[in-house]
């Protein structure tokens, strides 16, 4: 789950750079929440896709995984 405070700061920063304002009839908190929901859905799909790739769609190469583990330990 994304940190809503961090996302609020990100949106403030990016909106300023884009010279973008939230319309007055849309609550700021609703925009933050909608963006978080959007990003979380995309993030979970990305994670699932990467999990399938990493574990070769249920046929993992455990030797390759061990190599990755060892490389991270160095």
N, C-alpha and C. Protein backbone atom coordinates (compact mmCIF):
# COMPACT_ATOMS: atom_id res chain seq x y z
N UNK A 1 0.85 -1.18 0.00
CA UNK A 1 0.00 0.00 0.00
C UNK A 1 0.90 1.24 0.00
N UNK A 2 0.57 2.17 -0.83
CA UNK A 2 1.36 3.38 -0.96
C UNK A 2 1.11 4.33 0.21
N UNK A 3 2.13 5.06 0.56
CA UNK A 3 2.04 6.08 1.60
C UNK A 3 1.36 7.30 1.00
N UNK A 4 0.15 7.57 1.45
CA UNK A 4 -0.64 8.68 0.88
C UNK A 4 0.06 10.03 1.06
N UNK A 5 0.78 10.21 2.16
CA UNK A 5 1.51 11.46 2.38
C UNK A 5 2.61 11.67 1.35
N UNK A 6 3.31 10.59 1.05
CA UNK A 6 4.37 10.67 0.04
C UNK A 6 3.77 10.97 -1.33
N UNK A 7 2.66 10.31 -1.64
CA UNK A 7 1.99 10.54 -2.92
C UNK A 7 1.48 11.98 -3.01
N UNK A 8 0.97 12.51 -1.92
CA UNK A 8 0.50 13.90 -1.91
C UNK A 8 1.65 14.84 -2.24
N UNK A 9 2.82 14.61 -1.63
CA UNK A 9 3.99 15.44 -1.92
C UNK A 9 4.42 15.30 -3.38
N UNK A 10 4.39 14.07 -3.88
CA UNK A 10 4.75 13.84 -5.28
C UNK A 10 3.81 14.59 -6.21
N UNK A 11 2.51 14.48 -5.96
CA UNK A 11 1.55 15.18 -6.81
C UNK A 11 1.74 16.69 -6.74
N UNK A 12 1.99 17.22 -5.53
CA UNK A 12 2.25 18.66 -5.39
C UNK A 12 3.42 19.07 -6.28
N UNK A 13 4.50 18.32 -6.17
CA UNK A 13 5.72 18.61 -6.92
C UNK A 13 5.49 18.52 -8.43
N UNK A 14 4.86 17.44 -8.86
CA UNK A 14 4.66 17.22 -10.29
C UNK A 14 3.62 18.19 -10.86
N UNK A 15 2.55 18.45 -10.11
CA UNK A 15 1.54 19.40 -10.60
C UNK A 15 2.14 20.78 -10.77
N UNK A 16 3.02 21.17 -9.84
CA UNK A 16 3.68 22.47 -9.95
C UNK A 16 4.51 22.54 -11.22
N UNK A 17 5.26 21.47 -11.51
CA UNK A 17 6.09 21.43 -12.71
C UNK A 17 5.27 21.41 -13.99
N UNK A 18 4.07 20.84 -13.91
CA UNK A 18 3.20 20.78 -15.08
C UNK A 18 2.26 21.97 -15.16
N UNK A 19 2.32 22.84 -14.14
CA UNK A 19 1.40 23.97 -14.03
C UNK A 19 -0.05 23.47 -14.12
N UNK A 20 -0.33 22.46 -13.29
CA UNK A 20 -1.62 21.78 -13.30
C UNK A 20 -2.32 22.01 -11.97
N UNK A 21 -3.59 22.32 -12.02
CA UNK A 21 -4.39 22.52 -10.81
C UNK A 21 -5.57 21.55 -10.82
N UNK A 22 -5.92 21.07 -9.63
CA UNK A 22 -7.10 20.22 -9.48
C UNK A 22 -8.32 21.13 -9.54
N UNK A 23 -9.32 20.76 -10.32
CA UNK A 23 -10.54 21.59 -10.36
C UNK A 23 -11.14 21.74 -8.95
N UNK A 24 -11.71 22.89 -8.70
CA UNK A 24 -12.24 23.20 -7.37
C UNK A 24 -13.34 22.26 -6.91
N UNK A 25 -14.07 21.67 -7.86
CA UNK A 25 -15.18 20.80 -7.48
C UNK A 25 -14.75 19.34 -7.23
N UNK A 26 -13.45 19.07 -7.31
CA UNK A 26 -12.92 17.73 -7.02
C UNK A 26 -12.06 17.82 -5.77
N UNK A 27 -12.43 17.09 -4.72
CA UNK A 27 -11.63 17.13 -3.48
C UNK A 27 -10.21 16.60 -3.72
N UNK A 28 -9.27 17.33 -3.18
CA UNK A 28 -7.85 16.97 -3.31
C UNK A 28 -7.59 15.55 -2.81
N UNK A 29 -8.18 15.20 -1.67
CA UNK A 29 -7.99 13.88 -1.09
C UNK A 29 -8.51 12.79 -2.02
N UNK A 30 -9.59 13.09 -2.75
CA UNK A 30 -10.15 12.12 -3.69
C UNK A 30 -9.20 11.88 -4.86
N UNK A 31 -8.52 12.92 -5.31
CA UNK A 31 -7.55 12.78 -6.40
C UNK A 31 -6.37 11.94 -5.92
N UNK A 32 -5.89 12.23 -4.72
CA UNK A 32 -4.77 11.47 -4.16
C UNK A 32 -5.16 10.00 -4.05
N UNK A 33 -6.33 9.72 -3.50
CA UNK A 33 -6.78 8.34 -3.33
C UNK A 33 -6.97 7.65 -4.68
N UNK A 34 -7.56 8.34 -5.64
CA UNK A 34 -7.77 7.75 -6.96
C UNK A 34 -6.44 7.42 -7.62
N UNK A 35 -5.47 8.32 -7.50
CA UNK A 35 -4.15 8.05 -8.08
C UNK A 35 -3.49 6.87 -7.38
N UNK A 36 -3.59 6.81 -6.05
CA UNK A 36 -3.00 5.69 -5.31
C UNK A 36 -3.62 4.37 -5.74
N UNK A 37 -4.93 4.34 -5.87
CA UNK A 37 -5.61 3.12 -6.30
C UNK A 37 -5.12 2.71 -7.69
N UNK A 38 -5.03 3.67 -8.58
CA UNK A 38 -4.56 3.41 -9.95
C UNK A 38 -3.14 2.84 -9.93
N UNK A 39 -2.26 3.48 -9.17
CA UNK A 39 -0.86 3.06 -9.13
C UNK A 39 -0.73 1.69 -8.46
N UNK A 40 -1.49 1.44 -7.40
CA UNK A 40 -1.42 0.15 -6.72
C UNK A 40 -1.90 -0.98 -7.63
N UNK A 41 -2.96 -0.77 -8.37
CA UNK A 41 -3.44 -1.80 -9.29
C UNK A 41 -2.38 -2.11 -10.33
N UNK A 42 -1.77 -1.08 -10.89
CA UNK A 42 -0.72 -1.27 -11.88
C UNK A 42 0.49 -1.96 -11.26
N UNK A 43 0.84 -1.56 -10.06
CA UNK A 43 2.00 -2.11 -9.34
C UNK A 43 1.81 -3.60 -9.08
N UNK A 44 0.64 -4.00 -8.63
CA UNK A 44 0.39 -5.41 -8.35
C UNK A 44 0.41 -6.24 -9.63
N UNK A 45 -0.10 -5.70 -10.72
CA UNK A 45 -0.02 -6.41 -11.99
C UNK A 45 1.43 -6.55 -12.44
N UNK A 46 2.21 -5.50 -12.27
CA UNK A 46 3.63 -5.52 -12.62
C UNK A 46 4.35 -6.57 -11.78
N UNK A 47 4.05 -6.61 -10.47
CA UNK A 47 4.68 -7.61 -9.60
C UNK A 47 4.31 -9.03 -10.03
N UNK A 48 3.04 -9.26 -10.34
CA UNK A 48 2.62 -10.60 -10.77
C UNK A 48 3.33 -11.01 -12.06
N UNK A 49 3.43 -10.08 -13.00
CA UNK A 49 4.13 -10.38 -14.25
C UNK A 49 5.60 -10.72 -14.00
N UNK A 50 6.24 -9.95 -13.11
CA UNK A 50 7.64 -10.21 -12.80
C UNK A 50 7.81 -11.50 -12.03
N UNK A 51 6.88 -11.83 -11.16
CA UNK A 51 6.94 -13.09 -10.44
C UNK A 51 6.87 -14.26 -11.42
N UNK A 52 5.97 -14.18 -12.36
CA UNK A 52 5.85 -15.25 -13.37
C UNK A 52 7.13 -15.38 -14.18
N UNK A 53 7.71 -14.25 -14.55
CA UNK A 53 8.96 -14.28 -15.32
C UNK A 53 10.11 -14.83 -14.48
N UNK A 54 10.23 -14.35 -13.26
CA UNK A 54 11.33 -14.75 -12.38
C UNK A 54 11.29 -16.26 -12.13
N UNK A 55 10.10 -16.79 -11.93
CA UNK A 55 9.94 -18.22 -11.67
C UNK A 55 9.54 -18.99 -12.92
N UNK A 56 9.83 -18.40 -14.09
CA UNK A 56 9.64 -19.02 -15.40
C UNK A 56 8.29 -19.74 -15.52
N UNK A 57 7.25 -19.04 -15.15
CA UNK A 57 5.87 -19.53 -15.29
C UNK A 57 5.68 -20.91 -14.67
N UNK A 58 6.26 -21.09 -13.48
CA UNK A 58 6.09 -22.35 -12.75
C UNK A 58 7.15 -23.39 -13.02
N UNK A 59 8.16 -23.02 -13.78
CA UNK A 59 9.25 -23.95 -14.10
C UNK A 59 10.58 -23.24 -13.83
N UNK A 60 10.84 -22.88 -12.56
CA UNK A 60 12.01 -22.04 -12.26
C UNK A 60 13.34 -22.76 -12.46
N UNK A 61 14.31 -21.95 -12.82
CA UNK A 61 15.69 -22.42 -12.90
C UNK A 61 16.33 -22.06 -11.55
N UNK A 62 16.31 -23.01 -10.63
CA UNK A 62 16.77 -22.74 -9.27
C UNK A 62 18.25 -22.39 -9.23
N UNK A 63 19.03 -22.92 -10.13
CA UNK A 63 20.46 -22.57 -10.17
C UNK A 63 20.64 -21.09 -10.49
N UNK A 64 19.85 -20.59 -11.42
CA UNK A 64 19.92 -19.17 -11.77
C UNK A 64 19.47 -18.31 -10.57
N UNK A 65 18.46 -18.76 -9.87
CA UNK A 65 17.98 -18.02 -8.69
C UNK A 65 19.04 -18.01 -7.61
N UNK A 66 19.70 -19.14 -7.40
CA UNK A 66 20.79 -19.20 -6.42
C UNK A 66 21.90 -18.23 -6.81
N UNK A 67 22.21 -18.15 -8.10
CA UNK A 67 23.23 -17.20 -8.56
C UNK A 67 22.83 -15.76 -8.23
N UNK A 68 21.56 -15.44 -8.43
CA UNK A 68 21.08 -14.08 -8.10
C UNK A 68 21.19 -13.81 -6.60
N UNK A 69 20.86 -14.81 -5.80
CA UNK A 69 20.96 -14.66 -4.34
C UNK A 69 22.41 -14.41 -3.95
N UNK A 70 23.29 -15.20 -4.47
CA UNK A 70 24.71 -15.05 -4.14
C UNK A 70 25.27 -13.70 -4.60
N UNK A 71 24.83 -13.25 -5.78
CA UNK A 71 25.29 -11.94 -6.29
C UNK A 71 24.82 -10.82 -5.37
N UNK A 72 23.65 -10.96 -4.78
CA UNK A 72 23.14 -9.94 -3.86
C UNK A 72 23.85 -9.96 -2.52
N UNK A 73 24.42 -11.09 -2.15
CA UNK A 73 25.13 -11.21 -0.88
C UNK A 73 26.52 -10.60 -0.92
N UNK A 74 27.04 -10.39 -2.11
CA UNK A 74 28.41 -9.86 -2.25
C UNK A 74 28.49 -8.39 -2.00
